[in-house]
N, C-alpha and C. Protein backbone atom coordinates (compact mmCIF):
# COMPACT_ATOMS: atom_id res chain seq x y z
N MET A 1 95.84 -81.80 16.84
CA MET A 1 96.01 -83.04 16.27
C MET A 1 97.41 -83.74 16.55
N ALA A 2 98.40 -82.90 17.02
CA ALA A 2 99.71 -83.45 17.29
C ALA A 2 99.73 -84.51 18.43
N PRO A 3 98.99 -83.99 19.47
CA PRO A 3 99.00 -84.93 20.74
C PRO A 3 98.41 -86.53 20.32
N LEU A 4 97.37 -86.54 19.47
CA LEU A 4 96.77 -87.73 18.96
C LEU A 4 97.82 -88.55 18.10
N LYS A 5 98.60 -87.83 17.39
CA LYS A 5 99.67 -88.63 16.65
C LYS A 5 100.68 -89.11 17.46
N LYS A 6 100.99 -88.30 18.40
CA LYS A 6 102.10 -89.05 19.33
C LYS A 6 101.58 -90.15 20.17
N ILE A 7 100.31 -90.12 20.61
CA ILE A 7 99.72 -91.30 21.35
C ILE A 7 99.67 -92.49 20.21
N TYR A 8 99.27 -92.23 19.06
CA TYR A 8 99.20 -93.43 18.13
C TYR A 8 100.62 -93.81 17.82
N LEU A 9 101.67 -93.14 17.69
CA LEU A 9 102.97 -93.76 17.46
C LEU A 9 103.51 -94.44 18.69
N GLU A 10 103.18 -94.01 19.96
CA GLU A 10 103.62 -94.65 21.03
C GLU A 10 102.96 -95.94 21.22
N GLU A 11 101.53 -96.03 20.82
CA GLU A 11 100.77 -97.28 20.78
C GLU A 11 101.40 -98.18 19.75
N LEU A 12 101.64 -97.75 18.58
CA LEU A 12 102.33 -98.62 17.52
C LEU A 12 103.83 -99.07 18.01
N ALA A 13 104.50 -98.24 18.62
CA ALA A 13 105.78 -98.90 19.29
C ALA A 13 105.53 -99.95 20.30
N ARG A 14 104.69 -99.93 21.13
CA ARG A 14 104.14 -100.83 22.21
C ARG A 14 103.90 -102.17 21.57
N ILE A 15 103.02 -102.09 20.44
CA ILE A 15 102.63 -103.19 19.73
C ILE A 15 103.89 -103.89 19.03
N GLN A 16 104.75 -103.10 18.53
CA GLN A 16 106.06 -103.43 17.75
C GLN A 16 106.84 -104.46 18.75
N ASP A 17 107.02 -103.73 19.99
CA ASP A 17 107.72 -104.34 21.15
C ASP A 17 107.24 -105.63 21.48
N ARG A 18 105.91 -105.80 21.61
CA ARG A 18 105.29 -107.03 21.97
C ARG A 18 105.32 -108.13 20.86
N ILE A 19 105.22 -107.71 19.48
CA ILE A 19 105.39 -108.64 18.36
C ILE A 19 106.80 -109.21 18.44
N ASN A 20 107.83 -108.22 18.64
CA ASN A 20 109.12 -108.73 18.71
C ASN A 20 109.43 -109.67 19.87
N SER A 21 108.85 -109.41 20.90
CA SER A 21 108.97 -110.26 22.22
C SER A 21 108.54 -111.70 21.98
N LEU A 22 107.23 -111.68 21.21
CA LEU A 22 106.56 -113.02 20.91
C LEU A 22 107.40 -113.83 19.95
N PHE A 23 107.98 -113.12 18.93
CA PHE A 23 108.82 -113.87 17.93
C PHE A 23 110.00 -114.43 18.76
N GLU A 24 110.69 -113.60 19.59
CA GLU A 24 111.97 -114.04 20.28
C GLU A 24 111.66 -115.35 21.24
N GLN A 25 110.44 -115.15 21.79
CA GLN A 25 110.10 -116.36 22.80
C GLN A 25 109.80 -117.55 21.98
N ALA A 26 109.27 -117.41 20.81
CA ALA A 26 108.80 -118.61 19.95
C ALA A 26 110.30 -119.16 19.29
N LEU A 27 111.20 -118.54 19.04
CA LEU A 27 112.44 -118.77 18.57
C LEU A 27 113.39 -119.50 19.56
N LEU A 28 113.33 -118.94 20.81
CA LEU A 28 114.22 -119.34 21.80
C LEU A 28 113.76 -120.33 23.01
N THR A 29 112.50 -120.88 22.66
CA THR A 29 112.05 -121.77 23.59
C THR A 29 112.75 -123.17 23.49
N SER A 30 112.87 -123.87 24.75
CA SER A 30 113.63 -124.97 24.76
C SER A 30 112.81 -126.29 24.29
N ASP A 31 113.37 -127.43 24.22
CA ASP A 31 112.70 -128.65 23.90
C ASP A 31 112.37 -129.23 25.08
N TYR A 32 112.09 -128.52 26.33
CA TYR A 32 111.67 -129.11 27.52
C TYR A 32 110.38 -129.87 27.39
N GLU A 33 110.22 -131.16 27.66
CA GLU A 33 109.10 -131.92 27.36
C GLU A 33 107.84 -131.68 28.17
N ASP A 34 108.20 -131.23 29.44
CA ASP A 34 107.12 -130.92 30.39
C ASP A 34 106.99 -129.61 30.68
N ARG A 35 106.38 -128.63 29.99
CA ARG A 35 106.59 -127.27 30.11
C ARG A 35 105.54 -126.70 31.14
N GLU A 36 104.98 -127.56 31.87
CA GLU A 36 103.77 -127.12 33.02
C GLU A 36 102.86 -126.26 32.25
N GLY A 37 102.19 -126.74 31.19
CA GLY A 37 101.22 -126.05 30.82
C GLY A 37 101.47 -124.95 29.69
N GLY A 38 102.84 -125.33 29.14
CA GLY A 38 103.30 -124.36 27.98
C GLY A 38 103.69 -122.93 28.41
N LEU A 39 104.17 -122.86 29.47
CA LEU A 39 104.61 -121.38 30.13
C LEU A 39 105.42 -120.71 28.95
N PRO A 40 105.06 -119.49 28.57
CA PRO A 40 105.90 -118.70 27.62
C PRO A 40 107.19 -118.51 28.36
N GLY A 41 108.33 -118.16 27.64
CA GLY A 41 109.54 -117.80 28.21
C GLY A 41 110.51 -118.86 28.55
N THR A 42 110.12 -120.11 28.31
CA THR A 42 111.05 -121.28 28.82
C THR A 42 112.36 -121.02 28.07
N TRP A 43 113.51 -121.28 28.68
CA TRP A 43 114.78 -120.79 28.15
C TRP A 43 115.72 -121.92 28.33
N LEU A 44 116.93 -121.68 27.62
CA LEU A 44 117.99 -122.58 27.58
C LEU A 44 119.28 -121.85 28.20
N PRO A 45 119.80 -122.33 29.20
CA PRO A 45 120.93 -121.64 29.70
C PRO A 45 122.21 -122.03 28.86
N ALA A 46 123.17 -121.04 28.79
CA ALA A 46 124.34 -121.28 27.94
C ALA A 46 125.25 -122.33 28.83
N VAL A 47 125.71 -123.32 28.02
CA VAL A 47 126.62 -124.31 28.72
C VAL A 47 127.82 -124.68 27.90
N ASP A 48 128.99 -124.74 28.43
CA ASP A 48 130.13 -125.25 27.83
C ASP A 48 130.60 -126.57 28.37
N VAL A 49 130.86 -127.53 27.59
CA VAL A 49 131.40 -128.86 27.82
C VAL A 49 132.75 -129.13 27.20
N LEU A 50 133.67 -129.34 28.19
CA LEU A 50 135.04 -129.49 27.67
C LEU A 50 135.42 -130.90 27.97
N GLU A 51 136.16 -131.63 27.20
CA GLU A 51 136.72 -132.85 27.25
C GLU A 51 138.22 -132.70 27.60
N THR A 52 138.60 -133.33 28.68
CA THR A 52 140.04 -133.30 29.03
C THR A 52 140.49 -134.85 29.02
N GLU A 53 141.82 -135.26 29.24
CA GLU A 53 142.24 -136.68 29.19
C GLU A 53 141.49 -137.39 30.23
N ASP A 54 141.28 -136.77 31.45
CA ASP A 54 140.78 -137.71 32.44
C ASP A 54 139.21 -137.37 32.80
N GLY A 55 138.62 -136.53 31.96
CA GLY A 55 137.24 -136.24 32.39
C GLY A 55 136.60 -135.25 31.52
N TYR A 56 135.46 -134.64 32.05
CA TYR A 56 134.59 -133.67 31.32
C TYR A 56 134.53 -132.50 32.31
N LEU A 57 134.47 -131.28 31.90
CA LEU A 57 134.24 -130.07 32.64
C LEU A 57 133.03 -129.48 31.99
N VAL A 58 131.98 -129.02 32.90
CA VAL A 58 130.84 -128.47 32.34
C VAL A 58 130.62 -127.16 33.07
N PHE A 59 130.40 -126.23 32.42
CA PHE A 59 130.10 -124.74 32.93
C PHE A 59 128.80 -124.39 32.32
N ALA A 60 127.76 -124.00 33.35
CA ALA A 60 126.39 -123.57 32.81
C ALA A 60 126.19 -122.14 33.32
N GLU A 61 125.73 -121.35 32.68
CA GLU A 61 125.37 -120.01 33.21
C GLU A 61 123.84 -119.96 33.59
N LEU A 62 123.77 -119.82 34.88
CA LEU A 62 122.43 -120.00 35.46
C LEU A 62 122.15 -118.62 36.30
N PRO A 63 122.18 -117.47 35.83
CA PRO A 63 121.96 -116.41 36.72
C PRO A 63 120.38 -116.35 37.12
N GLY A 64 120.28 -115.96 38.38
CA GLY A 64 119.01 -115.93 38.95
C GLY A 64 118.37 -117.23 39.39
N VAL A 65 119.01 -118.32 39.12
CA VAL A 65 118.53 -119.55 39.44
C VAL A 65 119.12 -119.94 41.06
N ARG A 66 118.21 -120.55 41.85
CA ARG A 66 118.83 -120.81 43.27
C ARG A 66 119.36 -122.40 43.07
N ARG A 67 120.42 -122.57 44.04
CA ARG A 67 121.06 -123.90 43.66
C ARG A 67 120.03 -124.94 44.02
N ASP A 68 119.03 -124.75 44.86
CA ASP A 68 118.06 -125.79 45.34
C ASP A 68 117.11 -126.15 43.98
N ASP A 69 117.09 -125.22 43.15
CA ASP A 69 116.24 -125.32 41.78
C ASP A 69 117.11 -126.11 40.70
N ILE A 70 118.18 -126.39 41.05
CA ILE A 70 118.94 -127.17 39.89
C ILE A 70 119.17 -128.63 40.15
N GLN A 71 118.82 -129.51 39.11
CA GLN A 71 119.05 -130.80 39.27
C GLN A 71 120.13 -131.45 38.27
N LEU A 72 121.03 -132.10 38.58
CA LEU A 72 122.14 -132.59 37.68
C LEU A 72 122.03 -134.17 37.84
N GLN A 73 122.01 -134.98 36.72
CA GLN A 73 121.97 -136.32 36.59
C GLN A 73 122.85 -136.92 35.57
N VAL A 74 123.61 -137.94 35.92
CA VAL A 74 124.40 -138.58 34.78
C VAL A 74 124.07 -139.99 34.87
N ARG A 75 123.74 -140.56 33.67
CA ARG A 75 123.39 -141.87 33.68
C ARG A 75 123.65 -142.31 32.10
N ASP A 76 124.24 -143.66 31.87
CA ASP A 76 124.55 -144.16 30.65
C ASP A 76 125.26 -143.02 29.58
N ARG A 77 126.33 -142.58 30.28
CA ARG A 77 127.03 -141.61 29.33
C ARG A 77 126.41 -140.33 28.99
N ARG A 78 125.28 -140.13 29.67
CA ARG A 78 124.39 -138.95 29.22
C ARG A 78 124.21 -137.89 30.45
N LEU A 79 124.60 -136.71 30.24
CA LEU A 79 124.58 -135.60 31.35
C LEU A 79 123.19 -135.01 31.19
N GLU A 80 122.39 -134.80 32.28
CA GLU A 80 121.20 -134.02 32.11
C GLU A 80 121.17 -132.85 33.09
N LEU A 81 121.03 -131.65 32.63
CA LEU A 81 121.02 -130.64 33.72
C LEU A 81 119.57 -129.99 33.36
N SER A 82 118.75 -129.83 34.51
CA SER A 82 117.62 -129.34 34.57
C SER A 82 117.29 -128.42 35.68
N GLY A 83 116.12 -127.64 35.63
CA GLY A 83 115.85 -126.77 36.80
C GLY A 83 114.82 -125.76 36.40
N ARG A 84 114.79 -124.64 37.20
CA ARG A 84 113.73 -123.70 36.95
C ARG A 84 114.29 -122.40 37.34
N ARG A 85 114.12 -121.37 36.70
CA ARG A 85 114.20 -119.85 36.99
C ARG A 85 112.94 -119.33 37.48
N GLN A 86 112.77 -118.99 38.81
CA GLN A 86 111.50 -118.38 39.22
C GLN A 86 111.46 -116.97 38.97
N PRO A 87 110.26 -116.40 38.64
CA PRO A 87 110.11 -115.04 38.52
C PRO A 87 110.37 -114.33 39.84
N LEU A 88 110.59 -112.98 39.63
CA LEU A 88 110.93 -112.26 40.81
C LEU A 88 109.83 -112.06 41.73
N GLY A 89 108.58 -112.21 41.39
CA GLY A 89 107.37 -112.18 42.21
C GLY A 89 106.08 -112.12 41.39
N GLU A 90 104.98 -112.42 42.00
CA GLU A 90 103.71 -112.48 41.25
C GLU A 90 103.17 -111.00 41.28
N ASN A 91 103.29 -110.35 42.29
CA ASN A 91 102.52 -109.04 42.44
C ASN A 91 103.47 -107.80 41.99
N ARG A 92 104.29 -108.00 41.00
CA ARG A 92 105.12 -106.90 40.50
C ARG A 92 104.40 -106.28 39.32
N ASN A 93 104.49 -104.96 39.14
CA ASN A 93 104.04 -104.23 38.04
C ASN A 93 105.22 -103.89 36.98
N PHE A 94 105.54 -104.89 36.16
CA PHE A 94 106.52 -104.69 35.21
C PHE A 94 106.02 -103.75 34.03
N LEU A 95 106.97 -102.86 33.76
CA LEU A 95 106.91 -101.99 32.64
C LEU A 95 107.32 -102.61 31.21
N ARG A 96 108.33 -103.51 31.40
CA ARG A 96 108.98 -104.23 30.53
C ARG A 96 109.53 -105.42 31.20
N MET A 97 109.16 -106.62 30.46
CA MET A 97 109.80 -107.97 30.90
C MET A 97 110.51 -108.61 29.83
N GLU A 98 111.80 -108.69 29.90
CA GLU A 98 112.56 -109.46 28.89
C GLU A 98 113.22 -110.76 29.18
N ARG A 99 113.47 -110.78 30.36
CA ARG A 99 113.96 -112.13 30.90
C ARG A 99 113.14 -113.22 30.90
N SER A 100 113.52 -114.38 30.65
CA SER A 100 112.76 -115.55 30.69
C SER A 100 112.85 -116.25 31.79
N TYR A 101 111.72 -116.93 32.23
CA TYR A 101 111.55 -117.65 33.50
C TYR A 101 110.96 -119.01 33.07
N GLY A 102 111.11 -119.97 34.09
CA GLY A 102 110.42 -121.25 33.91
C GLY A 102 111.28 -122.48 33.85
N PRO A 103 110.98 -123.56 33.44
CA PRO A 103 111.86 -124.59 33.49
C PRO A 103 112.83 -124.64 32.30
N PHE A 104 113.85 -125.31 32.45
CA PHE A 104 114.96 -125.63 31.28
C PHE A 104 115.34 -127.13 31.53
N ARG A 105 115.94 -127.70 30.48
CA ARG A 105 116.55 -128.99 30.48
C ARG A 105 117.47 -128.98 29.24
N ARG A 106 118.74 -129.38 29.68
CA ARG A 106 119.79 -129.58 28.56
C ARG A 106 120.41 -130.93 28.84
N THR A 107 120.57 -131.63 27.70
CA THR A 107 121.20 -133.06 27.88
C THR A 107 122.40 -133.05 26.86
N PHE A 108 123.49 -133.83 27.41
CA PHE A 108 124.70 -133.91 26.59
C PHE A 108 125.27 -135.28 26.65
N ASP A 109 125.61 -135.92 25.49
CA ASP A 109 126.05 -137.13 25.49
C ASP A 109 127.60 -137.02 25.60
N LEU A 110 128.09 -138.03 26.67
CA LEU A 110 129.51 -137.97 27.01
C LEU A 110 130.07 -139.27 26.26
N GLY A 111 131.22 -138.96 25.54
CA GLY A 111 131.85 -139.93 24.83
C GLY A 111 132.49 -141.17 25.27
N SER A 112 132.83 -141.03 26.57
CA SER A 112 133.53 -142.17 27.37
C SER A 112 132.66 -142.54 28.44
N PRO A 113 132.88 -143.69 28.94
CA PRO A 113 132.32 -144.12 30.36
C PRO A 113 132.87 -143.12 31.43
N VAL A 114 131.93 -142.99 32.41
CA VAL A 114 132.48 -141.96 33.54
C VAL A 114 132.26 -142.68 34.84
N ASP A 115 132.95 -142.09 35.70
CA ASP A 115 133.00 -142.47 37.17
C ASP A 115 131.97 -141.67 37.94
N VAL A 116 130.76 -142.20 37.98
CA VAL A 116 129.59 -141.61 38.49
C VAL A 116 129.73 -141.13 40.06
N GLU A 117 130.59 -142.15 40.56
CA GLU A 117 130.93 -142.14 42.09
C GLU A 117 131.77 -140.75 42.42
N SER A 118 132.41 -140.34 41.50
CA SER A 118 133.55 -139.24 41.74
C SER A 118 133.13 -137.85 41.13
N ILE A 119 131.96 -137.70 40.81
CA ILE A 119 131.46 -136.38 40.12
C ILE A 119 131.28 -135.34 41.15
N SER A 120 131.89 -134.19 40.81
CA SER A 120 131.78 -133.23 41.90
C SER A 120 131.10 -131.82 41.12
N ALA A 121 130.50 -131.08 41.92
CA ALA A 121 129.76 -129.80 41.32
C ALA A 121 129.97 -128.63 42.29
N GLY A 122 130.06 -127.52 41.82
CA GLY A 122 129.80 -126.43 42.59
C GLY A 122 129.11 -125.08 41.90
N PHE A 123 128.57 -124.28 42.70
CA PHE A 123 127.68 -123.12 42.21
C PHE A 123 127.98 -121.92 42.75
N GLU A 124 128.65 -121.04 42.04
CA GLU A 124 129.15 -119.71 42.51
C GLU A 124 128.85 -118.59 41.45
N LYS A 125 128.15 -117.48 42.04
CA LYS A 125 128.06 -116.36 41.19
C LYS A 125 127.29 -116.53 40.03
N GLY A 126 126.09 -117.60 40.21
CA GLY A 126 125.36 -117.95 39.05
C GLY A 126 126.01 -118.92 37.97
N VAL A 127 127.12 -119.40 38.25
CA VAL A 127 127.74 -120.35 37.25
C VAL A 127 127.89 -121.64 37.89
N LEU A 128 127.34 -122.78 37.34
CA LEU A 128 127.55 -123.93 37.79
C LEU A 128 128.68 -124.76 37.15
N ARG A 129 129.64 -125.32 37.92
CA ARG A 129 130.93 -125.94 37.54
C ARG A 129 130.64 -127.55 37.91
N VAL A 130 130.93 -128.34 36.79
CA VAL A 130 130.75 -129.79 37.24
C VAL A 130 131.97 -130.43 36.71
N HIS A 131 132.63 -131.38 37.40
CA HIS A 131 133.76 -132.25 36.86
C HIS A 131 133.19 -133.57 36.98
N ILE A 132 133.35 -134.20 35.80
CA ILE A 132 132.94 -135.66 35.64
C ILE A 132 134.04 -136.53 35.23
N PRO A 133 134.79 -137.32 36.08
CA PRO A 133 135.88 -137.99 35.77
C PRO A 133 135.64 -139.17 34.76
N LYS A 134 136.39 -139.60 34.00
CA LYS A 134 136.26 -140.65 33.13
C LYS A 134 136.72 -141.93 33.90
N LEU A 135 136.12 -143.07 33.63
CA LEU A 135 136.56 -144.45 34.28
C LEU A 135 138.09 -144.60 33.76
N ALA A 136 138.70 -145.05 34.65
CA ALA A 136 140.15 -145.20 34.40
C ALA A 136 140.20 -146.58 33.62
N GLY A 137 141.08 -146.34 32.38
CA GLY A 137 141.16 -147.52 31.59
C GLY A 137 140.10 -148.09 30.83
N GLY A 138 138.89 -147.35 31.07
CA GLY A 138 137.63 -147.86 30.43
C GLY A 138 137.54 -147.50 28.94
N GLY A 139 136.55 -147.99 28.38
CA GLY A 139 136.35 -147.40 26.95
C GLY A 139 136.27 -148.46 25.84
N SER A 140 137.18 -149.18 26.03
CA SER A 140 137.23 -150.41 24.81
C SER A 140 137.56 -151.81 25.42
N THR A 141 137.15 -152.79 24.87
CA THR A 141 137.51 -154.13 25.17
C THR A 141 137.54 -155.02 23.97
N GLN A 142 138.32 -156.01 24.08
CA GLN A 142 138.24 -157.04 22.77
C GLN A 142 137.27 -158.03 23.01
N VAL A 143 136.39 -158.27 22.13
CA VAL A 143 135.42 -159.22 22.27
C VAL A 143 135.69 -160.42 21.22
N GLU A 144 135.72 -161.61 21.78
CA GLU A 144 136.17 -162.80 21.15
C GLU A 144 134.80 -163.32 20.33
N ILE A 145 134.96 -163.58 19.25
CA ILE A 145 133.72 -164.17 18.51
C ILE A 145 133.81 -165.72 18.36
N ALA A 146 132.86 -166.30 19.05
CA ALA A 146 132.78 -167.67 19.10
C ALA A 146 132.43 -168.44 17.57
N GLU A 147 133.00 -169.43 17.47
CA GLU A 147 132.65 -170.15 16.15
C GLU A 147 131.43 -171.07 16.35
N GLU A 148 130.55 -170.85 15.26
CA GLU A 148 129.24 -171.57 15.37
C GLU A 148 129.46 -172.91 14.64
N SER A 149 128.67 -173.79 15.32
CA SER A 149 128.84 -175.22 15.05
C SER A 149 127.57 -175.51 14.11
N GLY A 150 127.87 -176.48 13.05
CA GLY A 150 126.74 -176.80 12.31
C GLY A 150 126.93 -176.40 10.96
């Protein structure tokens, strides 16, 4: 009877691992609007956004993402970082799969007008670094209010 008990406990442990994995996936999925059929494991990369006097610095952790699979767009004081992390391969026999794959999208509101012509970005060792300069002297203007007649 001891071997049956061991098999039973191993099976329970596998079920518990699967349930934990499903809960983690449900709690960590992104708000990506187009999930391509609701692929499980959609993920959100960690991102730091720093504001300096002359601009913004963005650092995004994108391990396992190819540079060609990253899109970066700035429009109307909003930064959008999107892309996809591809799985290692279709024909692999995983004993355990904990890393998430699929599309991601992060958006960030920038507080000041930015110089879209001078944005620079680099990608090294799985970290994306973006420098977004602020517009010189931009940000505020005095608006004169006209007097209404009548």
